[in-house]
Protein backbone atom coordinates (compact mmCIF):
# COMPACT_ATOMS: atom_id res chain seq x y z
CA MET A 1 -25.17 -20.17 -18.55
CA TYR A 2 -23.02 -17.07 -19.05
CA ARG A 3 -24.32 -15.60 -15.79
CA ILE A 4 -23.52 -18.84 -13.92
CA ARG A 5 -19.97 -18.89 -15.34
CA LYS A 6 -19.50 -15.27 -14.29
CA ILE A 7 -20.64 -15.97 -10.74
CA VAL A 8 -18.44 -19.08 -10.45
CA PHE A 9 -15.45 -17.16 -11.81
CA THR A 10 -15.78 -14.38 -9.24
CA ILE A 11 -16.30 -16.85 -6.38
CA LEU A 12 -12.96 -18.46 -7.23
CA PHE A 13 -11.21 -15.23 -6.23
CA ILE A 14 -12.97 -14.65 -2.95
CA THR A 15 -10.41 -16.48 -0.76
CA LEU A 16 -7.35 -14.43 -1.72
CA LYS A 17 -6.59 -11.08 -0.14
CA PHE A 18 -3.75 -8.59 -0.20
CA ASN A 19 -1.65 -7.90 2.88
CA SER A 20 0.58 -5.25 4.37
CA LEU A 21 3.17 -3.17 2.51
CA ALA A 22 5.78 -4.26 5.04
CA GLN A 23 5.92 -7.92 4.05
CA ILE A 24 8.95 -7.94 1.72
CA ASN A 25 12.21 -7.08 3.44
CA GLU A 26 14.75 -5.49 1.08
CA SER A 27 17.51 -6.27 3.60
CA ASP A 28 17.12 -10.03 3.12
CA THR A 29 19.95 -11.53 1.08
CA LEU A 30 17.60 -12.98 -1.53
CA LYS A 31 17.76 -12.69 -5.30
CA PHE A 32 14.00 -12.47 -5.78
CA GLN A 33 10.91 -12.22 -3.54
CA LEU A 34 7.27 -12.21 -4.59
CA ARG A 35 3.94 -11.82 -2.76
CA THR A 36 0.72 -11.79 -4.75
CA SER A 37 -3.01 -12.02 -4.14
CA LEU A 38 -6.40 -11.43 -5.70
CA THR A 39 -9.87 -11.24 -4.22
CA GLY A 40 -13.32 -10.80 -5.69
CA ASN A 41 -16.95 -10.67 -4.63
CA TYR A 42 -20.02 -10.57 -6.87
CA GLN A 43 -23.57 -10.47 -5.56
CA LYS A 44 -26.83 -9.91 -7.43
CA GLY A 45 -30.46 -9.82 -6.31
CA ASN A 46 -31.63 -7.74 -3.36
CA VAL A 47 -28.14 -6.23 -3.25
CA GLU A 48 -25.89 -5.88 -6.30
CA VAL A 49 -22.19 -5.62 -5.49
CA LEU A 50 -18.98 -6.18 -7.47
CA ASN A 51 -15.64 -6.01 -5.67
CA LEU A 52 -12.22 -6.84 -7.16
CA ARG A 53 -8.87 -6.32 -5.44
CA SER A 54 -5.39 -7.34 -6.54
CA LYS A 55 -1.88 -6.90 -5.19
CA ILE A 56 1.60 -7.87 -6.28
CA ASP A 57 4.79 -6.97 -4.37
CA PHE A 58 8.24 -8.09 -5.45
CA SER A 59 11.92 -7.32 -4.99
CA TYR A 60 14.88 -8.11 -7.24
CA SER A 61 18.58 -7.86 -6.47
CA PRO A 62 20.72 -7.76 -9.66
CA HIS A 63 23.82 -7.16 -7.52
CA SER A 64 24.62 -7.59 -3.83
CA ASN A 65 24.71 -3.80 -3.37
CA TRP A 66 21.44 -2.98 -5.12
CA VAL A 67 17.79 -3.97 -4.55
CA PHE A 68 14.73 -2.85 -6.50
CA LYS A 69 11.38 -3.23 -4.70
CA SER A 70 7.92 -2.60 -6.16
CA GLN A 71 4.53 -2.57 -4.40
CA ASN A 72 1.43 -2.50 -6.61
CA SER A 73 -2.30 -2.83 -5.97
CA SER A 74 -5.69 -2.07 -7.51
CA LEU A 75 -9.25 -1.78 -6.21
CA TYR A 76 -12.55 -1.74 -8.09
CA GLN A 77 -15.98 -1.60 -6.43
CA ALA A 78 -19.44 -1.00 -7.85
CA PHE A 79 -22.88 -0.98 -6.22
CA TYR A 80 -25.90 -1.42 -8.49
CA SER A 81 -23.55 -0.82 -11.45
CA LYS A 82 -22.52 2.56 -10.00
CA LYS A 83 -18.74 2.80 -9.61
CA ALA A 84 -17.62 3.49 -6.05
CA ASP A 85 -13.86 2.83 -6.31
CA ASN A 86 -11.41 2.49 -9.19
CA ASP A 87 -7.97 2.96 -7.67
CA LEU A 88 -4.40 2.15 -8.70
CA PHE A 89 -1.28 2.27 -6.56
CA SER A 90 2.39 1.73 -7.41
CA ARG A 91 5.32 2.52 -5.11
CA ASN A 92 8.84 1.72 -6.31
CA TYR A 93 12.17 1.87 -4.48
CA LEU A 94 15.83 1.51 -5.42
CA TYR A 95 18.04 0.71 -2.40
CA TYR A 96 21.81 0.82 -2.08
CA LYS A 97 23.42 -1.65 0.36
CA PRO A 98 20.21 -2.35 2.32
CA GLN A 99 22.01 -4.92 4.51
CA LEU A 100 23.67 -2.04 6.39
CA ARG A 101 22.25 -0.39 9.48
CA PHE A 102 21.87 2.89 7.53
CA TYR A 103 21.26 2.90 3.78
CA PRO A 104 19.95 5.36 1.15
CA PHE A 105 17.12 4.88 -1.32
CA ALA A 106 15.25 6.58 -4.18
CA ILE A 107 11.46 6.38 -4.44
CA ALA A 108 8.92 6.89 -7.26
CA TYR A 109 5.18 6.64 -6.67
CA ILE A 110 2.02 6.92 -8.76
CA SER A 111 -1.61 6.45 -7.74
CA SER A 112 -5.25 7.38 -8.32
CA ASN A 113 -8.21 7.47 -5.92
CA PHE A 114 -11.74 7.59 -7.32
CA ARG A 115 -13.50 8.14 -3.99
CA ARG A 116 -11.32 11.13 -3.07
CA LYS A 117 -11.55 12.51 -6.64
CA ILE A 118 -7.81 12.20 -7.24
CA ASP A 119 -7.29 11.65 -10.96
CA SER A 120 -3.55 11.06 -10.59
CA ARG A 121 -0.83 11.59 -8.02
CA TYR A 122 2.87 11.06 -8.40
CA PHE A 123 5.92 11.88 -6.38
CA ALA A 124 9.62 11.14 -6.49
CA GLY A 125 12.45 11.72 -4.07
CA VAL A 126 15.33 10.36 -2.02
CA GLY A 127 15.79 9.32 1.57
CA ALA A 128 17.57 7.08 4.05
CA THR A 129 16.54 4.13 6.24
CA TRP A 130 17.71 3.31 9.74
CA GLN A 131 17.43 -0.41 10.40
CA ILE A 132 16.92 -0.28 14.15
CA PHE A 133 17.05 -4.06 14.49
CA ASN A 134 16.79 -7.14 12.29
CA VAL A 135 17.27 -10.11 14.60
CA ASN A 136 15.82 -13.62 14.24
CA LYS A 137 13.44 -12.32 11.55
CA ASN A 138 12.09 -9.63 13.89
CA VAL A 139 12.41 -6.27 12.13
CA LEU A 140 11.97 -2.59 12.95
CA LYS A 141 12.90 0.22 10.54
CA PHE A 142 12.60 3.99 10.41
CA SER A 143 13.09 6.16 7.33
CA LEU A 144 13.15 9.83 6.40
CA SER A 145 12.75 11.15 2.86
CA ALA A 146 12.18 14.36 0.89
CA ILE A 147 9.92 14.25 -2.17
CA HIS A 148 8.33 16.42 -4.85
CA GLU A 149 4.64 15.67 -5.34
CA SER A 150 2.08 16.55 -8.02
CA THR A 151 -1.65 15.75 -7.59
CA ASN A 152 -4.32 16.29 -10.24
CA PHE A 153 -7.80 16.55 -8.68
CA LYS A 154 -11.16 16.23 -10.45
CA ASN A 155 -12.40 19.50 -8.92
CA TYR A 156 -10.98 22.84 -7.82
CA ARG A 157 -12.79 23.59 -4.55
CA TYR A 158 -11.24 22.29 -1.30
CA ASN A 159 -11.90 22.22 2.43
CA TYR A 160 -8.94 24.65 2.73
CA LYS A 161 -9.62 27.69 0.53
CA ASP A 162 -5.88 28.33 -0.03
CA TYR A 163 -6.04 25.85 -2.91
CA ASN A 164 -9.37 26.89 -4.50
CA GLY A 165 -9.30 27.61 -8.23
CA ARG A 166 -6.74 25.01 -9.28
CA ASP A 167 -7.12 21.34 -10.03
CA ARG A 168 -3.40 20.54 -9.70
CA ILE A 169 -1.36 20.97 -6.52
CA ASN A 170 2.44 20.78 -6.67
CA LEU A 171 4.52 20.84 -3.51
CA GLY A 172 7.45 19.39 -1.62
CA ARG A 173 7.00 17.05 1.32
CA ILE A 174 8.96 15.39 4.07
CA THR A 175 8.00 11.79 4.89
CA LEU A 176 8.51 9.99 8.19
CA TYR A 177 8.02 6.22 8.07
CA MET A 178 8.20 3.40 10.61
CA GLY A 179 7.50 -0.28 9.95
CA GLY A 180 8.34 -3.80 10.98
CA TRP A 181 7.10 -7.12 12.25
CA THR A 182 7.58 -9.53 15.13
CA TYR A 183 6.80 -13.19 15.83
CA LEU A 184 4.77 -14.50 18.73
CA PRO A 185 6.15 -17.47 20.76
CA GLU A 186 6.76 -20.63 18.70
CA ARG A 187 6.98 -18.40 15.59
CA ARG A 188 3.60 -19.45 14.23
CA VAL A 189 2.00 -15.99 14.12
CA ARG A 190 3.62 -12.84 12.77
CA LEU A 191 2.36 -9.38 13.75
CA PHE A 192 3.19 -6.63 11.26
CA TYR A 193 2.70 -2.87 11.22
CA ASP A 194 3.72 0.26 9.39
CA ALA A 195 2.85 3.95 9.48
CA PHE A 196 3.89 7.11 7.68
CA TYR A 197 3.34 10.85 8.06
CA GLN A 198 3.79 13.31 5.19
CA LEU A 199 3.94 17.07 5.76
CA ALA A 200 4.13 19.79 3.09
CA PHE A 201 7.11 22.14 3.36
CA ASN A 202 5.06 25.29 2.64
CA ASN A 203 1.72 24.62 4.40
CA LYS A 204 1.26 23.01 7.81
CA ASN A 205 -2.39 22.18 6.97
CA ASN A 206 -1.41 19.98 4.02
CA PHE A 207 -0.49 16.66 5.57
CA ARG A 208 -1.56 13.03 5.37
CA THR A 209 -1.00 9.91 7.42
CA GLN A 210 -1.60 6.18 7.13
CA ALA A 211 -1.27 3.31 9.61
CA ASP A 212 -1.49 -0.45 9.00
CA ALA A 213 -1.58 -3.25 11.56
CA GLY A 214 -2.19 -6.92 11.00
CA MET A 215 -1.30 -10.56 11.59
CA GLU A 216 -0.20 -13.48 9.44
CA PHE A 217 -0.54 -17.20 10.13
CA PRO A 218 1.28 -19.67 7.83
CA ILE A 219 -0.79 -22.55 6.50
CA TRP A 220 1.20 -24.48 3.90
CA LYS A 221 4.26 -23.86 1.66
CA GLY A 222 4.02 -20.10 1.22
CA LEU A 223 0.27 -19.92 1.75
CA SER A 224 -0.82 -17.85 4.76
CA PHE A 225 -3.94 -16.51 6.40
CA ASN A 226 -3.77 -12.79 7.20
CA ALA A 227 -5.85 -9.94 8.59
CA LEU A 228 -5.11 -6.25 8.10
CA PHE A 229 -6.56 -3.01 9.45
CA THR A 230 -5.74 0.21 7.54
CA TYR A 231 -6.49 3.79 8.56
CA THR A 232 -5.81 6.81 6.32
CA HIS A 233 -6.24 10.55 6.85
CA GLU A 234 -5.76 13.19 4.16
CA ASN A 235 -6.13 16.70 5.55
CA VAL A 236 -6.63 18.60 2.27
CA VAL A 237 -9.51 17.12 0.26
CA ILE A 238 -12.08 18.17 -2.31
CA GLU A 239 -15.11 19.90 -0.79
CA GLY A 240 -17.62 17.30 0.42
CA ILE A 241 -15.06 14.45 0.64
CA LYS A 242 -14.34 12.90 4.03
CA GLN A 243 -10.77 13.11 5.30
CA ASP A 244 -10.70 9.68 6.99
CA ASP A 245 -11.01 6.14 5.66
CA SER A 246 -10.53 2.79 7.40
CA ILE A 247 -10.89 -0.80 6.30
CA LEU A 248 -10.52 -4.25 7.89
CA THR A 249 -9.68 -7.11 5.51
CA PHE A 250 -8.71 -10.76 5.87
CA GLY A 251 -8.02 -13.75 3.63
CA LEU A 252 -5.14 -15.69 2.10
CA SER A 253 -1.87 -14.68 0.46
CA TYR A 254 0.97 -16.50 -1.30
CA SER A 255 4.71 -15.76 -1.20
CA PHE A 256 7.65 -17.05 -3.26
CA LYS A 257 11.39 -16.52 -2.70
CA VAL A 258 14.59 -17.32 -4.62
CA LYS A 259 17.96 -17.26 -2.87
């Protein structure tokens, strides 16, 4: 009976899936926005797999000039009880007057990545966003920021020998970001995308990039179907770890807004 309850419980989560980081627009004149999702998959028998993903993004505006936005997600995967992923991600922004064409922000970020043997990574910095256009809910933005980053790895041998012998790498980076979304005719389908490139100030070989592209189709009162493709490249990695990862996901998400 316990096993049946466990299987039923995990099946209940299988229809919910997280979506792109670009879904909440800090420039909207809304008091509160929320997007949340959870997905799970449990299989036992010839193949034993456990997969759990969760995501919650929200923004809050305590004053017309200020907006706080937070993007948070987790991933856990195990195959035959052997852990394959156990990752956490939290990116947090504080914006000043985001309704303007140009506006500044501060960012703080913390994450971990089991597969890439990253025990913890955090960075903090400041930057500015150029809102290229925001017309009829079609959005395109570009931002530039400078950050200080600290990464604690679970090993001390890398594909670039410059970093061998230390399990923590501290450096400054510059980040270029572009993101937005657009609606197809009749406004039933939204295409969204974002990409960033981060380069270390003191080493041209230490860079990373990520690109997301997807679509969203509204179903009913905040409930939407979405599909998302994500590609990531990290140029400096622990010896034996691949630099590239990609994933295609699809499912349902729910959003809630307060004016």
